[in-house]
Amino acid sequence: MPSYTYAVKGQRLLRQRGYPCAIKRRSKDSENGCGYSLYVGDRCGRAAEILDSYSVPYTIRRDGADDDDKL
């Protein structure tokens, strides 16, 4: 997610629909640049459709990150 504002918007939209998710700040040396990540446990395809319908920009990463278990 390109900004904290979009991360919060996405989190609210998904949580209101029963999708547990967490926001995490990306490190500045991340290969994806600085920004925020919104982690969704399952039903990612449907979560992406919801974000699309509200024009919330995102990038799907299926591999996760080394410290995802700390969320």
PDB file of N, CA and C in Angstrom:
ATOM      1  N   MET A   1       0.854  -1.158   0.000  1.00  0.00           N
ATOM      2  CA  MET A   1       0.000   0.000   0.000  1.00  0.00           C
ATOM      3  C   MET A   1       0.906   1.228   0.000  1.00  0.00           C
ATOM      4  N   PRO A   2       0.563   2.196  -0.805  1.00  0.00           N
ATOM      5  CA  PRO A   2       1.447   3.347  -0.951  1.00  0.00           C
ATOM      6  C   PRO A   2       1.436   4.320   0.227  1.00  0.00           C
ATOM      7  N   SER A   3       0.430   4.236   1.094  1.00  0.00           N
ATOM      8  CA  SER A   3       0.379   5.176   2.215  1.00  0.00           C
ATOM      9  C   SER A   3      -0.346   4.553   3.401  1.00  0.00           C
ATOM     10  N   TYR A   4      -0.140   5.160   4.550  1.00  0.00           N
ATOM     11  CA  TYR A   4      -0.828   4.715   5.762  1.00  0.00           C
ATOM     12  C   TYR A   4      -2.338   4.915   5.606  1.00  0.00           C
ATOM     13  N   THR A   5      -2.726   5.996   4.962  1.00  0.00           N
ATOM     14  CA  THR A   5      -4.148   6.278   4.758  1.00  0.00           C
ATOM     15  C   THR A   5      -4.833   5.153   3.988  1.00  0.00           C
ATOM     16  N   TYR A   6      -4.215   4.686   2.918  1.00  0.00           N
ATOM     17  CA  TYR A   6      -4.795   3.572   2.155  1.00  0.00           C
ATOM     18  C   TYR A   6      -4.783   2.280   2.963  1.00  0.00           C
ATOM     19  N   ALA A   7      -3.746   2.069   3.750  1.00  0.00           N
ATOM     20  CA  ALA A   7      -3.679   0.862   4.573  1.00  0.00           C
ATOM     21  C   ALA A   7      -4.828   0.837   5.575  1.00  0.00           C
ATOM     22  N   VAL A   8      -5.085   1.968   6.225  1.00  0.00           N
ATOM     23  CA  VAL A   8      -6.178   2.052   7.197  1.00  0.00           C
ATOM     24  C   VAL A   8      -7.524   1.899   6.499  1.00  0.00           C
ATOM     25  N   LYS A   9      -7.692   2.534   5.353  1.00  0.00           N
ATOM     26  CA  LYS A   9      -8.948   2.409   4.598  1.00  0.00           C
ATOM     27  C   LYS A   9      -9.199   0.953   4.224  1.00  0.00           C
ATOM     28  N   GLY A  10      -8.159   0.290   3.717  1.00  0.00           N
ATOM     29  CA  GLY A  10      -8.293  -1.117   3.357  1.00  0.00           C
ATOM     30  C   GLY A  10      -8.605  -1.989   4.559  1.00  0.00           C
ATOM     31  N   GLN A  11      -7.926  -1.729   5.663  1.00  0.00           N
ATOM     32  CA  GLN A  11      -8.158  -2.508   6.881  1.00  0.00           C
ATOM     33  C   GLN A  11      -9.605  -2.351   7.355  1.00  0.00           C
ATOM     34  N   ARG A  12     -10.102  -1.141   7.360  1.00  0.00           N
ATOM     35  CA  ARG A  12     -11.486  -0.904   7.802  1.00  0.00           C
ATOM     36  C   ARG A  12     -12.488  -1.603   6.887  1.00  0.00           C
ATOM     37  N   LEU A  13     -12.285  -1.480   5.585  1.00  0.00           N
ATOM     38  CA  LEU A  13     -13.194  -2.129   4.634  1.00  0.00           C
ATOM     39  C   LEU A  13     -13.226  -3.639   4.842  1.00  0.00           C
ATOM     40  N   LEU A  14     -12.048  -4.228   5.008  1.00  0.00           N
ATOM     41  CA  LEU A  14     -11.978  -5.683   5.146  1.00  0.00           C
ATOM     42  C   LEU A  14     -12.500  -6.152   6.499  1.00  0.00           C
ATOM     43  N   ARG A  15     -12.146  -5.464   7.567  1.00  0.00           N
ATOM     44  CA  ARG A  15     -12.622  -5.873   8.899  1.00  0.00           C
ATOM     45  C   ARG A  15     -14.138  -5.778   9.008  1.00  0.00           C
ATOM     46  N   GLN A  16     -14.732  -4.762   8.390  1.00  0.00           N
ATOM     47  CA  GLN A  16     -16.190  -4.625   8.407  1.00  0.00           C
ATOM     48  C   GLN A  16     -16.871  -5.805   7.725  1.00  0.00           C
ATOM     49  N   ARG A  17     -16.132  -6.494   6.878  1.00  0.00           N
ATOM     50  CA  ARG A  17     -16.675  -7.634   6.140  1.00  0.00           C
ATOM     51  C   ARG A  17     -16.171  -8.971   6.673  1.00  0.00           C
ATOM     52  N   GLY A  18     -15.547  -8.937   7.848  1.00  0.00           N
ATOM     53  CA  GLY A  18     -15.140 -10.172   8.511  1.00  0.00           C
ATOM     54  C   GLY A  18     -13.780 -10.721   8.133  1.00  0.00           C
ATOM     55  N   TYR A  19     -12.928  -9.910   7.539  1.00  0.00           N
ATOM     56  CA  TYR A  19     -11.582 -10.351   7.163  1.00  0.00           C
ATOM     57  C   TYR A  19     -10.583  -9.851   8.198  1.00  0.00           C
ATOM     58  N   PRO A  20     -10.020 -10.742   9.010  1.00  0.00           N
ATOM     59  CA  PRO A  20      -8.990 -10.282   9.941  1.00  0.00           C
ATOM     60  C   PRO A  20      -7.752  -9.857   9.156  1.00  0.00           C
ATOM     61  N   CYS A  21      -7.185  -8.721   9.503  1.00  0.00           N
ATOM     62  CA  CYS A  21      -5.995  -8.231   8.805  1.00  0.00           C
ATOM     63  C   CYS A  21      -5.198  -7.322   9.728  1.00  0.00           C
ATOM     64  N   ALA A  22      -3.945  -7.101   9.375  1.00  0.00           N
ATOM     65  CA  ALA A  22      -3.055  -6.278  10.189  1.00  0.00           C
ATOM     66  C   ALA A  22      -2.211  -5.389   9.288  1.00  0.00           C
ATOM     67  N   ILE A  23      -1.960  -4.171   9.756  1.00  0.00           N
ATOM     68  CA  ILE A  23      -1.106  -3.223   9.037  1.00  0.00           C
ATOM     69  C   ILE A  23       0.303  -3.328   9.600  1.00  0.00           C
ATOM     70  N   LYS A  24       1.263  -3.309   8.709  1.00  0.00           N
ATOM     71  CA  LYS A  24       2.662  -3.335   9.136  1.00  0.00           C
ATOM     72  C   LYS A  24       3.462  -2.359   8.295  1.00  0.00           C
ATOM     73  N   ARG A  25       4.330  -1.595   8.956  1.00  0.00           N
ATOM     74  CA  ARG A  25       5.211  -0.648   8.257  1.00  0.00           C
ATOM     75  C   ARG A  25       6.321  -1.419   7.589  1.00  0.00           C
ATOM     76  N   ARG A  26       6.573  -1.131   6.332  1.00  0.00           N
ATOM     77  CA  ARG A  26       7.668  -1.752   5.590  1.00  0.00           C
ATOM     78  C   ARG A  26       8.946  -0.985   5.870  1.00  0.00           C
ATOM     79  N   SER A  27      10.053  -1.682   5.951  1.00  0.00           N
ATOM     80  CA  SER A  27      11.336  -1.019   6.186  1.00  0.00           C
ATOM     81  C   SER A  27      11.742  -0.209   4.958  1.00  0.00           C
ATOM     82  N   LYS A  28      12.521   0.837   5.176  1.00  0.00           N
ATOM     83  CA  LYS A  28      12.926   1.708   4.069  1.00  0.00           C
ATOM     84  C   LYS A  28      13.833   1.002   3.085  1.00  0.00           C
ATOM     85  N   ASP A  29      14.509  -0.044   3.529  1.00  0.00           N
ATOM     86  CA  ASP A  29      15.395  -0.768   2.620  1.00  0.00           C
ATOM     87  C   ASP A  29      14.690  -1.938   1.937  1.00  0.00           C
ATOM     88  N   SER A  30      13.382  -2.007   2.083  1.00  0.00           N
ATOM     89  CA  SER A  30      12.595  -3.062   1.451  1.00  0.00           C
ATOM     90  C   SER A  30      12.688  -2.943  -0.068  1.00  0.00           C
ATOM     91  N   GLU A  31      12.712  -4.080  -0.741  1.00  0.00           N
ATOM     92  CA  GLU A  31      12.774  -4.069  -2.208  1.00  0.00           C
ATOM     93  C   GLU A  31      11.530  -3.454  -2.827  1.00  0.00           C
ATOM     94  N   ASN A  32      10.431  -3.417  -2.076  1.00  0.00           N
ATOM     95  CA  ASN A  32       9.197  -2.823  -2.580  1.00  0.00           C
ATOM     96  C   ASN A  32       9.083  -1.350  -2.220  1.00  0.00           C
ATOM     97  N   GLY A  33      10.145  -0.766  -1.681  1.00  0.00           N
ATOM     98  CA  GLY A  33      10.110   0.630  -1.271  1.00  0.00           C
ATOM     99  C   GLY A  33       9.450   0.776   0.087  1.00  0.00           C
ATOM    100  N   CYS A  34       9.497   1.986   0.600  1.00  0.00           N
ATOM    101  CA  CYS A  34       8.865   2.179   1.900  1.00  0.00           C
ATOM    102  C   CYS A  34       7.362   2.261   1.700  1.00  0.00           C
ATOM    103  N   GLY A  35       6.631   2.055   2.729  1.00  0.00           N
ATOM    104  CA  GLY A  35       5.187   2.059   2.655  1.00  0.00           C
ATOM    105  C   GLY A  35       4.624   1.142   3.714  1.00  0.00           C
ATOM    106  N   TYR A  36       3.431   0.678   3.489  1.00  0.00           N
ATOM    107  CA  TYR A  36       2.738  -0.151   4.463  1.00  0.00           C
ATOM    108  C   TYR A  36       2.215  -1.404   3.789  1.00  0.00           C
ATOM    109  N   SER A  37       2.131  -2.451   4.581  1.00  0.00           N
ATOM    110  CA  SER A  37       1.572  -3.711   4.101  1.00  0.00           C
ATOM    111  C   SER A  37       0.314  -4.008   4.895  1.00  0.00           C
ATOM    112  N   LEU A  38      -0.654  -4.590   4.234  1.00  0.00           N
ATOM    113  CA  LEU A  38      -1.883  -5.032   4.875  1.00  0.00           C
ATOM    114  C   LEU A  38      -1.933  -6.539   4.705  1.00  0.00           C
ATOM    115  N   TYR A  39      -1.772  -7.263   5.792  1.00  0.00           N
ATOM    116  CA  TYR A  39      -1.733  -8.721   5.749  1.00  0.00           C
ATOM    117  C   TYR A  39      -3.126  -9.288   5.957  1.00  0.00           C
ATOM    118  N   VAL A  40      -3.541 -10.134   5.027  1.00  0.00           N
ATOM    119  CA  VAL A  40      -4.843 -10.795   5.078  1.00  0.00           C
ATOM    120  C   VAL A  40      -4.578 -12.288   5.158  1.00  0.00           C
ATOM    121  N   GLY A  41      -5.158 -12.955   6.142  1.00  0.00           N
ATOM    122  CA  GLY A  41      -4.873 -14.367   6.366  1.00  0.00           C
ATOM    123  C   GLY A  41      -5.335 -15.297   5.253  1.00  0.00           C
ATOM    124  N   ASP A  42      -6.569 -15.202   4.851  1.00  0.00           N
ATOM    125  CA  ASP A  42      -7.088 -16.094   3.814  1.00  0.00           C
ATOM    126  C   ASP A  42      -8.134 -15.350   2.991  1.00  0.00           C
ATOM    127  N   ARG A  43      -8.696 -16.017   2.014  1.00  0.00           N
ATOM    128  CA  ARG A  43      -9.684 -15.421   1.105  1.00  0.00           C
ATOM    129  C   ARG A  43      -9.139 -14.151   0.453  1.00  0.00           C
ATOM    130  N   CYS A  44      -7.868 -14.207   0.078  1.00  0.00           N
ATOM    131  CA  CYS A  44      -7.194 -13.036  -0.502  1.00  0.00           C
ATOM    132  C   CYS A  44      -7.847 -12.570  -1.794  1.00  0.00           C
ATOM    133  N   GLY A  45      -8.317 -13.510  -2.592  1.00  0.00           N
ATOM    134  CA  GLY A  45      -8.952 -13.136  -3.853  1.00  0.00           C
ATOM    135  C   GLY A  45     -10.165 -12.254  -3.629  1.00  0.00           C
ATOM    136  N   ARG A  46     -11.001 -12.653  -2.703  1.00  0.00           N
ATOM    137  CA  ARG A  46     -12.199 -11.864  -2.389  1.00  0.00           C
ATOM    138  C   ARG A  46     -11.809 -10.528  -1.749  1.00  0.00           C
ATOM    139  N   ALA A  47     -10.787 -10.535  -0.888  1.00  0.00           N
ATOM    140  CA  ALA A  47     -10.312  -9.292  -0.270  1.00  0.00           C
ATOM    141  C   ALA A  47      -9.830  -8.323  -1.348  1.00  0.00           C
ATOM    142  N   ALA A  48      -9.133  -8.831  -2.347  1.00  0.00           N
ATOM    143  CA  ALA A  48      -8.652  -7.990  -3.448  1.00  0.00           C
ATOM    144  C   ALA A  48      -9.825  -7.390  -4.222  1.00  0.00           C
ATOM    145  N   GLU A  49     -10.881  -8.163  -4.417  1.00  0.00           N
ATOM    146  CA  GLU A  49     -12.068  -7.646  -5.108  1.00  0.00           C
ATOM    147  C   GLU A  49     -12.686  -6.485  -4.335  1.00  0.00           C
ATOM    148  N   ILE A  50     -12.723  -6.613  -3.013  1.00  0.00           N
ATOM    149  CA  ILE A  50     -13.276  -5.543  -2.176  1.00  0.00           C
ATOM    150  C   ILE A  50     -12.424  -4.285  -2.305  1.00  0.00           C
ATOM    151  N   LEU A  51     -11.105  -4.443  -2.213  1.00  0.00           N
ATOM    152  CA  LEU A  51     -10.214  -3.287  -2.342  1.00  0.00           C
ATOM    153  C   LEU A  51     -10.365  -2.643  -3.717  1.00  0.00           C
ATOM    154  N   ASP A  52     -10.477  -3.465  -4.754  1.00  0.00           N
ATOM    155  CA  ASP A  52     -10.683  -2.944  -6.114  1.00  0.00           C
ATOM    156  C   ASP A  52     -11.971  -2.128  -6.210  1.00  0.00           C
ATOM    157  N   SER A  53     -13.038  -2.644  -5.621  1.00  0.00           N
ATOM    158  CA  SER A  53     -14.331  -1.977  -5.740  1.00  0.00           C
ATOM    159  C   SER A  53     -14.349  -0.608  -5.060  1.00  0.00           C
ATOM    160  N   TYR A  54     -13.429  -0.390  -4.126  1.00  0.00           N
ATOM    161  CA  TYR A  54     -13.323   0.907  -3.452  1.00  0.00           C
ATOM    162  C   TYR A  54     -12.084   1.683  -3.898  1.00  0.00           C
ATOM    163  N   SER A  55     -11.464   1.258  -4.980  1.00  0.00           N
ATOM    164  CA  SER A  55     -10.290   1.933  -5.566  1.00  0.00           C
ATOM    165  C   SER A  55      -9.146   2.114  -4.580  1.00  0.00           C
ATOM    166  N   VAL A  56      -8.916   1.090  -3.761  1.00  0.00           N
ATOM    167  CA  VAL A  56      -7.787   1.107  -2.832  1.00  0.00           C
ATOM    168  C   VAL A  56      -6.617   0.418  -3.528  1.00  0.00           C
ATOM    169  N   PRO A  57      -5.526   1.142  -3.792  1.00  0.00           N
ATOM    170  CA  PRO A  57      -4.388   0.532  -4.498  1.00  0.00           C
ATOM    171  C   PRO A  57      -3.652  -0.474  -3.618  1.00  0.00           C
ATOM    172  N   TYR A  58      -3.178  -1.551  -4.221  1.00  0.00           N
ATOM    173  CA  TYR A  58      -2.462  -2.592  -3.484  1.00  0.00           C
ATOM    174  C   TYR A  58      -1.619  -3.406  -4.449  1.00  0.00           C
ATOM    175  N   THR A  59      -0.727  -4.183  -3.886  1.00  0.00           N
ATOM    176  CA  THR A  59       0.057  -5.162  -4.630  1.00  0.00           C
ATOM    177  C   THR A  59      -0.047  -6.472  -3.870  1.00  0.00           C
ATOM    178  N   ILE A  60      -0.306  -7.556  -4.565  1.00  0.00           N
ATOM    179  CA  ILE A  60      -0.412  -8.857  -3.902  1.00  0.00           C
ATOM    180  C   ILE A  60       0.965  -9.480  -3.776  1.00  0.00           C
ATOM    181  N   ARG A  61       1.303  -9.899  -2.565  1.00  0.00           N
ATOM    182  CA  ARG A  61       2.540 -10.644  -2.307  1.00  0.00           C
ATOM    183  C   ARG A  61       2.136 -11.938  -1.628  1.00  0.00           C
ATOM    184  N   ARG A  62       2.320 -13.020  -2.284  1.00  0.00           N
ATOM    185  CA  ARG A  62       1.917 -14.314  -1.732  1.00  0.00           C
ATOM    186  C   ARG A  62       3.000 -14.965  -0.880  1.00  0.00           C
ATOM    187  N   ASP A  63       4.225 -14.464  -0.992  1.00  0.00           N
ATOM    188  CA  ASP A  63       5.321 -15.099  -0.267  1.00  0.00           C
ATOM    189  C   ASP A  63       5.483 -14.595   1.154  1.00  0.00           C
ATOM    190  N   GLY A  64       4.867 -13.487   1.508  1.00  0.00           N
ATOM    191  CA  GLY A  64       5.005 -12.947   2.847  1.00  0.00           C
ATOM    192  C   GLY A  64       6.391 -12.397   3.090  1.00  0.00           C
ATOM    193  N   ALA A  65       6.678 -12.116   4.349  1.00  0.00           N
ATOM    194  CA  ALA A  65       7.981 -11.579   4.728  1.00  0.00           C
ATOM    195  C   ALA A  65       8.551 -12.411   5.864  1.00  0.00           C
ATOM    196  N   ASP A  66       9.833 -12.241   6.122  1.00  0.00           N
ATOM    197  CA  ASP A  66      10.505 -13.039   7.139  1.00  0.00           C
ATOM    198  C   ASP A  66       9.897 -12.895   8.525  1.00  0.00           C
ATOM    199  N   ASP A  67       9.358 -11.734   8.833  1.00  0.00           N
ATOM    200  CA  ASP A  67       8.861 -11.502  10.181  1.00  0.00           C
ATOM    201  C   ASP A  67       7.335 -11.450  10.262  1.00  0.00           C
ATOM    202  N   ASP A  68       6.640 -12.073   9.323  1.00  0.00           N
ATOM    203  CA  ASP A  68       5.178 -12.089   9.350  1.00  0.00           C
ATOM    204  C   ASP A  68       4.623 -12.722  10.617  1.00  0.00           C
ATOM    205  N   ASP A  69       5.353 -13.635  11.220  1.00  0.00           N
ATOM    206  CA  ASP A  69       4.859 -14.307  12.413  1.00  0.00           C
ATOM    207  C   ASP A  69       4.813 -13.371  13.621  1.00  0.00           C
ATOM    208  N   LYS A  70       5.342 -12.167  13.505  1.00  0.00           N
ATOM    209  CA  LYS A  70       5.362 -11.224  14.616  1.00  0.00           C
ATOM    210  C   LYS A  70       4.179 -10.264  14.581  1.00  0.00           C
ATOM    211  N   LEU A  71       3.261 -10.453  13.656  1.00  0.00           N
ATOM    212  CA  LEU A  71       2.098  -9.564  13.567  1.00  0.00           C
ATOM    213  C   LEU A  71       1.129  -9.830  14.688  1.00  0.00           C
TER     214      LEU A  71
END
